[in-house]
Amino acid sequence: MKKYLYSFTLWISLLFLGLAGCKTASESPVTPTVTKTATSAPINIATLTPAKTSLLTRTLTLTPFQLALPMVTLSSQEAEKSLLELLRTNGNCTGKCVTGIYPDDMTVQEAVNVMAQWGGVEIVENWQGKTFIHLIQAQLYEQVFVKLSIGTWTEKLVTIDKVSVHIAGPPGDWILEEEVWLANQDTWKGMRLDTLLKTYGVPSYVGYFFQTAVEAESPQEGKVIIYDMEMQYEQINLEISIGAMAHYDGENVFLCPSKDSHDLGIQINPERSLIERQEFRPVTWQALTGTDLDAFYQIFTGETNLDACVTTTLEQIQELQPYFR
């Protein structure tokens, strides 16, 4: 997979380091430089079928906090099969839920039991003293990383303060390329944009942040347009963020969040409030397109238009986001 080393991707990945209990120091934009190195062609994950393996082995271990932590022994094929099921179903969520975890209705023990369906779990504590429980080395074919975590710190191992999941490429190459998403539209149906919208409904806020980067050997004078699109659901305190590479033909910029090369993150009860997060995604859907959020929902849930795009220009982006360069 191509490696894109630019600060926007680092910014996105730092934002989701909360999955492991870390907190970003800044979200101020900077001008990045992108380089490419030749690597092997990406795997068409949709064509891979896990081999038949032995049954799961599970034991329960009491932690010092009297939490029964399932110890799950999985072969690599079993781990891949479990993660594929997670990506296919999103845990059959409805309402305030992600990956089958309902933070307002479950105990920490119940949430851990749900997580154990997808792989091994462990407890970590960050430098702030906040406790997180997350999946251990959750990845598909060494190409796709699934970072699932719950945070519990208001009352340690009693309250569920945060739930988050992040789907990305390997560290240093967080963005998954377009062909990977397209090849797995059915396999990862639960994390597809149209499915997420049907699960959570019309967002209360959709905002964008734009940035340019320089890519070696780019046909458009080396210019690459990067964007972060965030959908918020105020009523359930949930946000969905997509960090993507737009298509730019030298005149128009095409934003196709379902299929653009991107990573995907979902958070319930993010540590930075939804209102604060809007400051970093200041270009609203309404300003960008002249339509309302109902139109956003209809465009990206249309059965015959799963790969819908929105067209804009560099001039419009700069008008809406004056510090865009």
C-alpha atoms as a PDB file:
ATOM      1  CA  MET A   1       0.000   0.000   0.000  1.00  0.00           C
ATOM      2  CA  LYS A   2       1.198   3.497  -0.743  1.00  0.00           C
ATOM      3  CA  LYS A   3       2.472   5.349   2.300  1.00  0.00           C
ATOM      4  CA  TYR A   4       1.308   8.940   2.745  1.00  0.00           C
ATOM      5  CA  LEU A   5       3.411  10.684   5.386  1.00  0.00           C
ATOM      6  CA  TYR A   6       1.677  13.923   6.116  1.00  0.00           C
ATOM      7  CA  SER A   7       0.653  15.764   9.238  1.00  0.00           C
ATOM      8  CA  PHE A   8      -3.077  15.632   8.559  1.00  0.00           C
ATOM      9  CA  THR A   9      -3.057  11.858   8.791  1.00  0.00           C
ATOM     10  CA  LEU A  10      -0.919  12.123  11.923  1.00  0.00           C
ATOM     11  CA  TRP A  11      -3.463  14.577  13.289  1.00  0.00           C
ATOM     12  CA  ILE A  12      -6.282  12.099  12.637  1.00  0.00           C
ATOM     13  CA  SER A  13      -4.340   9.214  14.134  1.00  0.00           C
ATOM     14  CA  LEU A  14      -3.401  11.251  17.222  1.00  0.00           C
ATOM     15  CA  LEU A  15      -7.047  12.107  17.711  1.00  0.00           C
ATOM     16  CA  PHE A  16      -7.840   8.413  17.951  1.00  0.00           C
ATOM     17  CA  LEU A  17      -4.939   7.550  20.216  1.00  0.00           C
ATOM     18  CA  GLY A  18      -7.563   8.032  22.931  1.00  0.00           C
ATOM     19  CA  LEU A  19      -8.434   4.440  22.070  1.00  0.00           C
ATOM     20  CA  ALA A  20      -5.242   3.495  23.876  1.00  0.00           C
ATOM     21  CA  GLY A  21      -5.653   6.166  26.496  1.00  0.00           C
ATOM     22  CA  CYS A  22      -3.564   8.995  24.996  1.00  0.00           C
ATOM     23  CA  LYS A  23      -4.561  12.609  24.475  1.00  0.00           C
ATOM     24  CA  THR A  24      -3.470  14.884  21.653  1.00  0.00           C
ATOM     25  CA  ALA A  25      -1.576  18.035  22.520  1.00  0.00           C
ATOM     26  CA  SER A  26      -2.817  20.209  19.651  1.00  0.00           C
ATOM     27  CA  GLU A  27      -5.128  20.214  16.680  1.00  0.00           C
ATOM     28  CA  SER A  28      -3.669  23.268  14.917  1.00  0.00           C
ATOM     29  CA  PRO A  29      -3.299  22.708  11.156  1.00  0.00           C
ATOM     30  CA  VAL A  30       0.119  22.796   9.507  1.00  0.00           C
ATOM     31  CA  THR A  31       1.197  22.413   5.892  1.00  0.00           C
ATOM     32  CA  PRO A  32       2.364  18.858   5.271  1.00  0.00           C
ATOM     33  CA  THR A  33       4.493  17.151   2.655  1.00  0.00           C
ATOM     34  CA  VAL A  34       3.484  13.809   1.202  1.00  0.00           C
ATOM     35  CA  THR A  35       5.915  11.272  -0.220  1.00  0.00           C
ATOM     36  CA  LYS A  36       5.283   7.918  -1.898  1.00  0.00           C
ATOM     37  CA  THR A  37       7.255   4.723  -1.777  1.00  0.00           C
ATOM     38  CA  ALA A  38       6.588   1.695  -3.924  1.00  0.00           C
ATOM     39  CA  THR A  39       5.170  -1.250  -2.048  1.00  0.00           C
ATOM     40  CA  SER A  40       3.344  -4.410  -2.961  1.00  0.00           C
ATOM     41  CA  ALA A  41      -0.179  -4.054  -4.333  1.00  0.00           C
ATOM     42  CA  PRO A  42      -2.951  -3.988  -1.702  1.00  0.00           C
ATOM     43  CA  ILE A  43      -4.692  -7.243  -0.924  1.00  0.00           C
ATOM     44  CA  ASN A  44      -8.217  -7.609  -2.224  1.00  0.00           C
ATOM     45  CA  ILE A  45      -9.497  -8.507   1.216  1.00  0.00           C
ATOM     46  CA  ALA A  46     -12.945  -9.377  -0.058  1.00  0.00           C
ATOM     47  CA  THR A  47     -11.514 -12.445  -1.786  1.00  0.00           C
ATOM     48  CA  LEU A  48      -9.834 -13.870   1.301  1.00  0.00           C
ATOM     49  CA  THR A  49     -11.659 -16.633   3.160  1.00  0.00           C
ATOM     50  CA  PRO A  50     -10.455 -17.654   6.638  1.00  0.00           C
ATOM     51  CA  ALA A  51      -9.405 -21.278   6.828  1.00  0.00           C
ATOM     52  CA  LYS A  52     -11.233 -23.740   9.047  1.00  0.00           C
ATOM     53  CA  THR A  53      -9.703 -23.685  12.514  1.00  0.00           C
ATOM     54  CA  SER A  54     -10.136 -25.150  15.943  1.00  0.00           C
ATOM     55  CA  LEU A  55     -12.723 -23.877  18.414  1.00  0.00           C
ATOM     56  CA  LEU A  56     -12.092 -20.789  20.545  1.00  0.00           C
ATOM     57  CA  THR A  57     -10.572 -21.324  23.954  1.00  0.00           C
ATOM     58  CA  ARG A  58     -11.842 -18.973  26.670  1.00  0.00           C
ATOM     59  CA  THR A  59     -11.012 -18.667  30.345  1.00  0.00           C
ATOM     60  CA  LEU A  60     -11.976 -15.997  32.859  1.00  0.00           C
ATOM     61  CA  THR A  61      -9.363 -14.206  34.935  1.00  0.00           C
ATOM     62  CA  LEU A  62     -10.229 -11.909  37.846  1.00  0.00           C
ATOM     63  CA  THR A  63      -8.286  -8.642  37.714  1.00  0.00           C
ATOM     64  CA  PRO A  64      -7.223  -6.753  40.859  1.00  0.00           C
ATOM     65  CA  PHE A  65     -10.460  -4.767  40.377  1.00  0.00           C
ATOM     66  CA  GLN A  66     -12.586  -7.954  40.440  1.00  0.00           C
ATOM     67  CA  LEU A  67     -13.452  -7.679  36.760  1.00  0.00           C
ATOM     68  CA  ALA A  68     -13.705 -11.051  35.019  1.00  0.00           C
ATOM     69  CA  LEU A  69     -11.457 -10.491  32.019  1.00  0.00           C
ATOM     70  CA  PRO A  70     -12.023 -13.161  29.344  1.00  0.00           C
ATOM     71  CA  MET A  71      -8.736 -14.568  28.106  1.00  0.00           C
ATOM     72  CA  VAL A  72      -9.426 -15.506  24.488  1.00  0.00           C
ATOM     73  CA  THR A  73      -6.984 -17.703  22.587  1.00  0.00           C
ATOM     74  CA  LEU A  74      -7.495 -17.231  18.856  1.00  0.00           C
ATOM     75  CA  SER A  75      -5.602 -18.409  15.828  1.00  0.00           C
ATOM     76  CA  SER A  76      -4.889 -15.712  13.238  1.00  0.00           C
ATOM     77  CA  GLN A  77      -7.710 -17.094  11.082  1.00  0.00           C
ATOM     78  CA  GLU A  78     -10.160 -17.032  13.999  1.00  0.00           C
ATOM     79  CA  ALA A  79      -9.161 -13.473  14.885  1.00  0.00           C
ATOM     80  CA  GLU A  80      -9.703 -12.360  11.300  1.00  0.00           C
ATOM     81  CA  LYS A  81     -13.086 -14.080  11.165  1.00  0.00           C
ATOM     82  CA  SER A  82     -14.187 -12.344  14.388  1.00  0.00           C
ATOM     83  CA  LEU A  83     -13.105  -8.923  13.141  1.00  0.00           C
ATOM     84  CA  LEU A  84     -14.838  -9.457   9.814  1.00  0.00           C
ATOM     85  CA  GLU A  85     -18.042 -10.207  11.713  1.00  0.00           C
ATOM     86  CA  LEU A  86     -17.610  -6.970  13.674  1.00  0.00           C
ATOM     87  CA  LEU A  87     -17.113  -4.945  10.493  1.00  0.00           C
ATOM     88  CA  ARG A  88     -20.048  -6.666   8.814  1.00  0.00           C
ATOM     89  CA  THR A  89     -22.555  -6.034  11.626  1.00  0.00           C
ATOM     90  CA  ASN A  90     -21.276  -3.235  13.908  1.00  0.00           C
ATOM     91  CA  GLY A  91     -22.615  -5.498  16.659  1.00  0.00           C
ATOM     92  CA  ASN A  92     -26.174  -5.037  15.292  1.00  0.00           C
ATOM     93  CA  CYS A  93     -26.343  -1.657  16.994  1.00  0.00           C
ATOM     94  CA  THR A  94     -29.339   0.630  17.258  1.00  0.00           C
ATOM     95  CA  GLY A  95     -29.362   3.986  19.034  1.00  0.00           C
ATOM     96  CA  LYS A  96     -26.513   4.937  21.363  1.00  0.00           C
ATOM     97  CA  CYS A  97     -24.272   1.995  20.594  1.00  0.00           C
ATOM     98  CA  VAL A  98     -21.134   1.047  18.679  1.00  0.00           C
ATOM     99  CA  THR A  99     -19.766  -2.477  18.042  1.00  0.00           C
ATOM    100  CA  GLY A 100     -22.575  -3.907  20.177  1.00  0.00           C
ATOM    101  CA  ILE A 101     -21.669  -1.850  23.271  1.00  0.00           C
ATOM    102  CA  TYR A 102     -24.411   0.283  24.878  1.00  0.00           C
ATOM    103  CA  PRO A 103     -22.582   2.485  27.413  1.00  0.00           C
ATOM    104  CA  ASP A 104     -25.719   3.776  29.143  1.00  0.00           C
ATOM    105  CA  ASP A 105     -27.277   0.346  29.589  1.00  0.00           C
ATOM    106  CA  MET A 106     -24.329  -1.988  30.208  1.00  0.00           C
ATOM    107  CA  THR A 107     -21.953  -2.595  33.066  1.00  0.00           C
ATOM    108  CA  VAL A 108     -18.239  -2.619  32.313  1.00  0.00           C
ATOM    109  CA  GLN A 109     -18.322  -6.395  32.697  1.00  0.00           C
ATOM    110  CA  GLU A 110     -21.083  -6.700  30.101  1.00  0.00           C
ATOM    111  CA  ALA A 111     -19.181  -4.433  27.706  1.00  0.00           C
ATOM    112  CA  VAL A 112     -16.013  -6.502  28.162  1.00  0.00           C
ATOM    113  CA  ASN A 113     -17.972  -9.654  27.405  1.00  0.00           C
ATOM    114  CA  VAL A 114     -19.144  -8.074  24.136  1.00  0.00           C
ATOM    115  CA  MET A 115     -15.591  -7.032  23.254  1.00  0.00           C
ATOM    116  CA  ALA A 116     -14.384 -10.590  23.849  1.00  0.00           C
ATOM    117  CA  GLN A 117     -16.492 -11.701  20.871  1.00  0.00           C
ATOM    118  CA  TRP A 118     -14.086  -9.794  18.646  1.00  0.00           C
ATOM    119  CA  GLY A 119     -10.780 -10.910  20.220  1.00  0.00           C
ATOM    120  CA  GLY A 120      -8.563 -10.729  23.299  1.00  0.00           C
ATOM    121  CA  VAL A 121      -8.885  -7.766  25.689  1.00  0.00           C
ATOM    122  CA  GLU A 122      -6.530  -6.026  28.084  1.00  0.00           C
ATOM    123  CA  ILE A 123      -6.585  -3.173  30.620  1.00  0.00           C
ATOM    124  CA  VAL A 124      -4.212  -0.212  30.314  1.00  0.00           C
ATOM    125  CA  GLU A 125      -3.832   3.088  32.157  1.00  0.00           C
ATOM    126  CA  ASN A 126      -2.573   6.282  30.560  1.00  0.00           C
ATOM    127  CA  TRP A 127      -0.388   9.049  31.954  1.00  0.00           C
ATOM    128  CA  GLN A 128      -3.503  10.899  33.170  1.00  0.00           C
ATOM    129  CA  GLY A 129      -4.524   7.903  35.257  1.00  0.00           C
ATOM    130  CA  LYS A 130      -7.474   7.113  32.986  1.00  0.00           C
ATOM    131  CA  THR A 131      -8.257   3.427  32.514  1.00  0.00           C
ATOM    132  CA  PHE A 132      -9.025   1.882  29.123  1.00  0.00           C
ATOM    133  CA  ILE A 133      -9.959  -1.623  28.044  1.00  0.00           C
ATOM    134  CA  HIS A 134      -9.204  -2.444  24.431  1.00  0.00           C
ATOM    135  CA  LEU A 135      -8.756  -5.205  21.899  1.00  0.00           C
ATOM    136  CA  ILE A 136      -5.268  -6.664  21.645  1.00  0.00           C
ATOM    137  CA  GLN A 137      -3.550  -6.368  18.248  1.00  0.00           C
ATOM    138  CA  ALA A 138      -6.803  -6.387  16.290  1.00  0.00           C
ATOM    139  CA  GLN A 139      -5.861  -6.527  12.616  1.00  0.00           C
ATOM    140  CA  LEU A 140      -6.835  -8.143   9.338  1.00  0.00           C
ATOM    141  CA  TYR A 141      -4.129  -9.662   7.169  1.00  0.00           C
ATOM    142  CA  GLU A 142      -1.545  -7.191   8.573  1.00  0.00           C
ATOM    143  CA  GLN A 143      -3.228  -4.517   6.457  1.00  0.00           C
ATOM    144  CA  VAL A 144      -6.321  -3.298   8.325  1.00  0.00           C
ATOM    145  CA  PHE A 145      -6.235  -2.325  11.995  1.00  0.00           C
ATOM    146  CA  VAL A 146      -9.374  -2.226  14.154  1.00  0.00           C
ATOM    147  CA  LYS A 147      -8.878  -0.300  17.399  1.00  0.00           C
ATOM    148  CA  LEU A 148     -11.798  -0.817  19.786  1.00  0.00           C
ATOM    149  CA  SER A 149     -11.704   0.645  23.274  1.00  0.00           C
ATOM    150  CA  ILE A 150     -13.851   1.567  26.266  1.00  0.00           C
ATOM    151  CA  GLY A 151     -12.764   4.172  28.792  1.00  0.00           C
ATOM    152  CA  THR A 152     -13.691   3.867  32.463  1.00  0.00           C
ATOM    153  CA  TRP A 153     -12.401   6.496  34.868  1.00  0.00           C
ATOM    154  CA  THR A 154     -15.209   8.450  36.583  1.00  0.00           C
ATOM    155  CA  GLU A 155     -15.629   5.352  38.728  1.00  0.00           C
ATOM    156  CA  LYS A 156     -12.909   2.967  37.709  1.00  0.00           C
ATOM    157  CA  LEU A 157     -14.202  -0.247  36.087  1.00  0.00           C
ATOM    158  CA  VAL A 158     -17.747   0.730  37.100  1.00  0.00           C
ATOM    159  CA  THR A 159     -18.769   3.522  34.706  1.00  0.00           C
ATOM    160  CA  ILE A 160     -18.381   3.422  30.932  1.00  0.00           C
ATOM    161  CA  ASP A 161     -17.204   6.923  30.103  1.00  0.00           C
ATOM    162  CA  LYS A 162     -16.292   6.449  26.448  1.00  0.00           C
ATOM    163  CA  VAL A 163     -16.532   3.894  23.636  1.00  0.00           C
ATOM    164  CA  SER A 164     -14.570   4.250  20.410  1.00  0.00           C
ATOM    165  CA  VAL A 165     -13.555   2.292  17.344  1.00  0.00           C
ATOM    166  CA  HIS A 166     -11.041   3.252  14.660  1.00  0.00           C
ATOM    167  CA  ILE A 167     -10.558   1.435  11.341  1.00  0.00           C
ATOM    168  CA  ALA A 168      -7.316   2.276   9.584  1.00  0.00           C
ATOM    169  CA  GLY A 169      -4.219   1.015   7.839  1.00  0.00           C
ATOM    170  CA  PRO A 170      -0.968   0.078   9.591  1.00  0.00           C
ATOM    171  CA  PRO A 171       0.785   2.681  11.791  1.00  0.00           C
ATOM    172  CA  GLY A 172       2.510   5.256   9.602  1.00  0.00           C
ATOM    173  CA  ASP A 173       0.046   4.575   6.767  1.00  0.00           C
ATOM    174  CA  TRP A 174      -3.284   5.126   8.503  1.00  0.00           C
ATOM    175  CA  ILE A 175      -5.397   5.775   5.429  1.00  0.00           C
ATOM    176  CA  LEU A 176      -6.835   2.697   3.707  1.00  0.00           C
ATOM    177  CA  GLU A 177      -6.839   3.051  -0.048  1.00  0.00           C
ATOM    178  CA  GLU A 178      -9.937   3.403  -2.206  1.00  0.00           C
ATOM    179  CA  GLU A 179      -9.660  -0.061  -3.751  1.00  0.00           C
ATOM    180  CA  VAL A 180      -9.691  -1.673  -0.297  1.00  0.00           C
ATOM    181  CA  TRP A 181     -12.937   0.054   0.689  1.00  0.00           C
ATOM    182  CA  LEU A 182     -14.557  -0.714  -2.671  1.00  0.00           C
ATOM    183  CA  ALA A 183     -13.498  -4.375  -2.562  1.00  0.00           C
ATOM    184  CA  ASN A 184     -15.077  -4.734   0.880  1.00  0.00           C
ATOM    185  CA  GLN A 185     -18.338  -2.806   0.537  1.00  0.00           C
ATOM    186  CA  ASP A 186     -20.320  -5.925   1.383  1.00  0.00           C
ATOM    187  CA  THR A 187     -17.799  -7.561   3.725  1.00  0.00           C
ATOM    188  CA  TRP A 188     -17.619  -4.410   5.891  1.00  0.00           C
ATOM    189  CA  LYS A 189     -21.248  -3.404   5.431  1.00  0.00           C
ATOM    190  CA  GLY A 190     -21.716  -2.448   9.094  1.00  0.00           C
ATOM    191  CA  MET A 191     -19.093   0.305   8.797  1.00  0.00           C
ATOM    192  CA  ARG A 192     -20.201   1.593   5.396  1.00  0.00           C
ATOM    193  CA  LEU A 193     -21.313   5.231   5.354  1.00  0.00           C
ATOM    194  CA  ASP A 194     -24.859   4.513   4.187  1.00  0.00           C
ATOM    195  CA  THR A 195     -25.283   1.803   6.838  1.00  0.00           C
ATOM    196  CA  LEU A 196     -24.003   4.090   9.594  1.00  0.00           C
ATOM    197  CA  LEU A 197     -26.433   6.804   8.536  1.00  0.00           C
ATOM    198  CA  LYS A 198     -29.319   4.325   8.539  1.00  0.00           C
ATOM    199  CA  THR A 199     -28.229   3.141  11.992  1.00  0.00           C
ATOM    200  CA  TYR A 200     -27.923   6.571  13.622  1.00  0.00           C
ATOM    201  CA  GLY A 201     -30.202   8.751  11.466  1.00  0.00           C
ATOM    202  CA  VAL A 202     -29.860  12.315  10.184  1.00  0.00           C
ATOM    203  CA  PRO A 203     -26.849  13.989  11.863  1.00  0.00           C
ATOM    204  CA  SER A 204     -27.259  17.125  13.941  1.00  0.00           C
ATOM    205  CA  TYR A 205     -24.028  18.550  12.488  1.00  0.00           C
ATOM    206  CA  VAL A 206     -21.766  17.778   9.522  1.00  0.00           C
ATOM    207  CA  GLY A 207     -18.530  19.727   9.263  1.00  0.00           C
ATOM    208  CA  TYR A 208     -15.338  19.644   7.214  1.00  0.00           C
ATOM    209  CA  PHE A 209     -11.720  20.619   7.614  1.00  0.00           C
ATOM    210  CA  PHE A 210      -9.578  20.934   4.479  1.00  0.00           C
ATOM    211  CA  GLN A 211      -5.848  20.872   3.959  1.00  0.00           C
ATOM    212  CA  THR A 212      -3.431  20.521   1.064  1.00  0.00           C
ATOM    213  CA  ALA A 213      -0.347  18.384   0.862  1.00  0.00           C
ATOM    214  CA  VAL A 214       2.415  17.924  -1.669  1.00  0.00           C
ATOM    215  CA  GLU A 215       2.690  14.525  -3.312  1.00  0.00           C
ATOM    216  CA  ALA A 216       5.717  13.492  -5.336  1.00  0.00           C
ATOM    217  CA  GLU A 217       4.984  12.930  -9.039  1.00  0.00           C
ATOM    218  CA  SER A 218       1.389  14.165  -8.789  1.00  0.00           C
ATOM    219  CA  PRO A 219      -0.090  15.181 -12.184  1.00  0.00           C
ATOM    220  CA  GLN A 220      -1.793  18.225 -10.609  1.00  0.00           C
ATOM    221  CA  GLU A 221       1.392  20.105  -9.722  1.00  0.00           C
ATOM    222  CA  GLY A 222       1.859  17.901  -6.686  1.00  0.00           C
ATOM    223  CA  LYS A 223      -1.321  19.112  -4.973  1.00  0.00           C
ATOM    224  CA  VAL A 224      -3.358  16.682  -2.888  1.00  0.00           C
ATOM    225  CA  ILE A 225      -6.538  17.761  -1.091  1.00  0.00           C
ATOM    226  CA  ILE A 226      -7.075  16.180   2.310  1.00  0.00           C
ATOM    227  CA  TYR A 227     -10.330  16.527   4.220  1.00  0.00           C
ATOM    228  CA  ASP A 228     -11.783  15.487   7.545  1.00  0.00           C
ATOM    229  CA  MET A 229     -15.562  15.054   7.567  1.00  0.00           C
ATOM    230  CA  GLU A 230     -17.292  14.750  10.925  1.00  0.00           C
ATOM    231  CA  MET A 231     -20.919  13.778  11.516  1.00  0.00           C
ATOM    232  CA  GLN A 232     -22.318  14.484  14.969  1.00  0.00           C
ATOM    233  CA  TYR A 233     -25.364  13.176  16.816  1.00  0.00           C
ATOM    234  CA  GLU A 234     -25.975  15.551  19.694  1.00  0.00           C
ATOM    235  CA  GLN A 235     -28.828  13.576  21.265  1.00  0.00           C
ATOM    236  CA  ILE A 236     -26.671  10.473  21.822  1.00  0.00           C
ATOM    237  CA  ASN A 237     -23.292  12.285  22.086  1.00  0.00           C
ATOM    238  CA  LEU A 238     -21.793  10.316  19.194  1.00  0.00           C
ATOM    239  CA  GLU A 239     -19.484  11.405  16.393  1.00  0.00           C
ATOM    240  CA  ILE A 240     -18.284   9.717  13.207  1.00  0.00           C
ATOM    241  CA  SER A 241     -15.114  11.028  11.592  1.00  0.00           C
ATOM    242  CA  ILE A 242     -13.682  10.230   8.163  1.00  0.00           C
ATOM    243  CA  GLY A 243     -10.196  11.445   7.235  1.00  0.00           C
ATOM    244  CA  ALA A 244      -9.883  11.173   3.453  1.00  0.00           C
ATOM    245  CA  MET A 245      -8.035  12.119   0.277  1.00  0.00           C
ATOM    246  CA  ALA A 246     -10.233  13.966  -2.213  1.00  0.00           C
ATOM    247  CA  HIS A 247     -10.055  13.628  -5.997  1.00  0.00           C
ATOM    248  CA  TYR A 248      -8.749  16.811  -7.663  1.00  0.00           C
ATOM    249  CA  ASP A 249      -8.647  17.186 -11.450  1.00  0.00           C
ATOM    250  CA  GLY A 250      -6.955  20.567 -11.507  1.00  0.00           C
ATOM    251  CA  GLU A 251     -10.277  22.412 -11.556  1.00  0.00           C
ATOM    252  CA  ASN A 252     -12.819  20.670  -9.307  1.00  0.00           C
ATOM    253  CA  VAL A 253     -12.495  18.863  -5.984  1.00  0.00           C
ATOM    254  CA  PHE A 254     -14.606  15.722  -5.590  1.00  0.00           C
ATOM    255  CA  LEU A 255     -15.492  14.547  -2.074  1.00  0.00           C
ATOM    256  CA  CYS A 256     -16.612  10.900  -2.116  1.00  0.00           C
ATOM    257  CA  PRO A 257     -16.459   9.789   1.536  1.00  0.00           C
ATOM    258  CA  SER A 258     -17.824   6.290   0.903  1.00  0.00           C
ATOM    259  CA  LYS A 259     -14.985   5.312  -1.399  1.00  0.00           C
ATOM    260  CA  ASP A 260     -12.179   7.873  -1.076  1.00  0.00           C
ATOM    261  CA  SER A 261      -8.988   6.565   0.503  1.00  0.00           C
ATOM    262  CA  HIS A 262      -9.722   7.141   4.183  1.00  0.00           C
ATOM    263  CA  ASP A 263      -9.805   5.967   7.756  1.00  0.00           C
ATOM    264  CA  LEU A 264     -12.948   5.829   9.895  1.00  0.00           C
ATOM    265  CA  GLY A 265     -13.561   6.518  13.554  1.00  0.00           C
ATOM    266  CA  ILE A 266     -16.658   6.428  15.771  1.00  0.00           C
ATOM    267  CA  GLN A 267     -16.795   7.732  19.342  1.00  0.00           C
ATOM    268  CA  ILE A 268     -19.518   7.785  21.963  1.00  0.00           C
ATOM    269  CA  ASN A 269     -18.933  10.420  24.666  1.00  0.00           C
ATOM    270  CA  PRO A 270     -15.697  11.794  23.124  1.00  0.00           C
ATOM    271  CA  GLU A 271     -13.351  13.461  25.594  1.00  0.00           C
ATOM    272  CA  ARG A 272     -13.468  16.692  23.595  1.00  0.00           C
ATOM    273  CA  SER A 273     -17.103  17.854  23.511  1.00  0.00           C
ATOM    274  CA  LEU A 274     -19.058  17.929  20.260  1.00  0.00           C
ATOM    275  CA  ILE A 275     -19.285  21.726  20.389  1.00  0.00           C
ATOM    276  CA  GLU A 276     -15.515  22.024  20.815  1.00  0.00           C
ATOM    277  CA  ARG A 277     -14.925  19.592  17.963  1.00  0.00           C
ATOM    278  CA  GLN A 278     -16.954  21.791  15.622  1.00  0.00           C
ATOM    279  CA  GLU A 279     -14.265  24.461  15.921  1.00  0.00           C
ATOM    280  CA  PHE A 280     -11.885  22.108  14.122  1.00  0.00           C
ATOM    281  CA  ARG A 281     -14.430  21.154  11.412  1.00  0.00           C
ATOM    282  CA  PRO A 282     -15.696  24.673  10.672  1.00  0.00           C
ATOM    283  CA  VAL A 283     -16.988  24.276   7.103  1.00  0.00           C
ATOM    284  CA  THR A 284     -20.584  23.121   7.469  1.00  0.00           C
ATOM    285  CA  TRP A 285     -22.410  20.910   4.995  1.00  0.00           C
ATOM    286  CA  GLN A 286     -25.004  23.657   4.521  1.00  0.00           C
ATOM    287  CA  ALA A 287     -22.370  26.248   3.591  1.00  0.00           C
ATOM    288  CA  LEU A 288     -20.507  23.857   1.300  1.00  0.00           C
ATOM    289  CA  THR A 289     -23.528  22.612  -0.657  1.00  0.00           C
ATOM    290  CA  GLY A 290     -26.407  25.014  -0.032  1.00  0.00           C
ATOM    291  CA  THR A 291     -28.589  22.099   1.118  1.00  0.00           C
ATOM    292  CA  ASP A 292     -29.752  20.890   4.530  1.00  0.00           C
ATOM    293  CA  LEU A 293     -28.805  17.816   6.559  1.00  0.00           C
ATOM    294  CA  ASP A 294     -31.826  15.883   5.325  1.00  0.00           C
ATOM    295  CA  ALA A 295     -30.332  16.213   1.839  1.00  0.00           C
ATOM    296  CA  PHE A 296     -26.995  14.944   3.176  1.00  0.00           C
ATOM    297  CA  TYR A 297     -28.763  11.860   4.509  1.00  0.00           C
ATOM    298  CA  GLN A 298     -30.633  11.240   1.266  1.00  0.00           C
ATOM    299  CA  ILE A 299     -27.549  11.668  -0.927  1.00  0.00           C
ATOM    300  CA  PHE A 300     -25.431   9.159   0.966  1.00  0.00           C
ATOM    301  CA  THR A 301     -28.116   6.551   1.669  1.00  0.00           C
ATOM    302  CA  GLY A 302     -29.497   6.246  -1.852  1.00  0.00           C
ATOM    303  CA  GLU A 303     -29.595   2.579  -2.856  1.00  0.00           C
ATOM    304  CA  THR A 304     -28.345   3.348  -6.367  1.00  0.00           C
ATOM    305  CA  ASN A 305     -25.731   5.878  -5.280  1.00  0.00           C
ATOM    306  CA  LEU A 306     -23.599   4.270  -2.568  1.00  0.00           C
ATOM    307  CA  ASP A 307     -20.508   6.052  -3.879  1.00  0.00           C
ATOM    308  CA  ALA A 308     -22.048   9.535  -4.038  1.00  0.00           C
ATOM    309  CA  CYS A 309     -19.742  12.534  -4.406  1.00  0.00           C
ATOM    310  CA  VAL A 310     -19.981  16.246  -3.689  1.00  0.00           C
ATOM    311  CA  THR A 311     -18.205  18.683  -6.012  1.00  0.00           C
ATOM    312  CA  THR A 312     -16.516  21.880  -4.860  1.00  0.00           C
ATOM    313  CA  THR A 313     -13.564  24.055  -5.893  1.00  0.00           C
ATOM    314  CA  LEU A 314     -10.382  25.320  -4.283  1.00  0.00           C
ATOM    315  CA  GLU A 315     -11.803  28.844  -4.447  1.00  0.00           C
ATOM    316  CA  GLN A 316     -14.954  27.865  -2.549  1.00  0.00           C
ATOM    317  CA  ILE A 317     -12.962  25.979   0.078  1.00  0.00           C
ATOM    318  CA  GLN A 318     -10.699  28.979   0.630  1.00  0.00           C
ATOM    319  CA  GLU A 319     -13.707  31.279   0.924  1.00  0.00           C
ATOM    320  CA  LEU A 320     -15.277  29.033   3.575  1.00  0.00           C
ATOM    321  CA  GLN A 321     -11.990  28.228   5.323  1.00  0.00           C
ATOM    322  CA  PRO A 322      -9.795  31.334   4.855  1.00  0.00           C
ATOM    323  CA  TYR A 323      -6.605  29.761   6.234  1.00  0.00           C
ATOM    324  CA  PHE A 324      -6.810  26.914   3.687  1.00  0.00           C
ATOM    325  CA  ARG A 325      -3.687  26.772   1.510  1.00  0.00           C
END
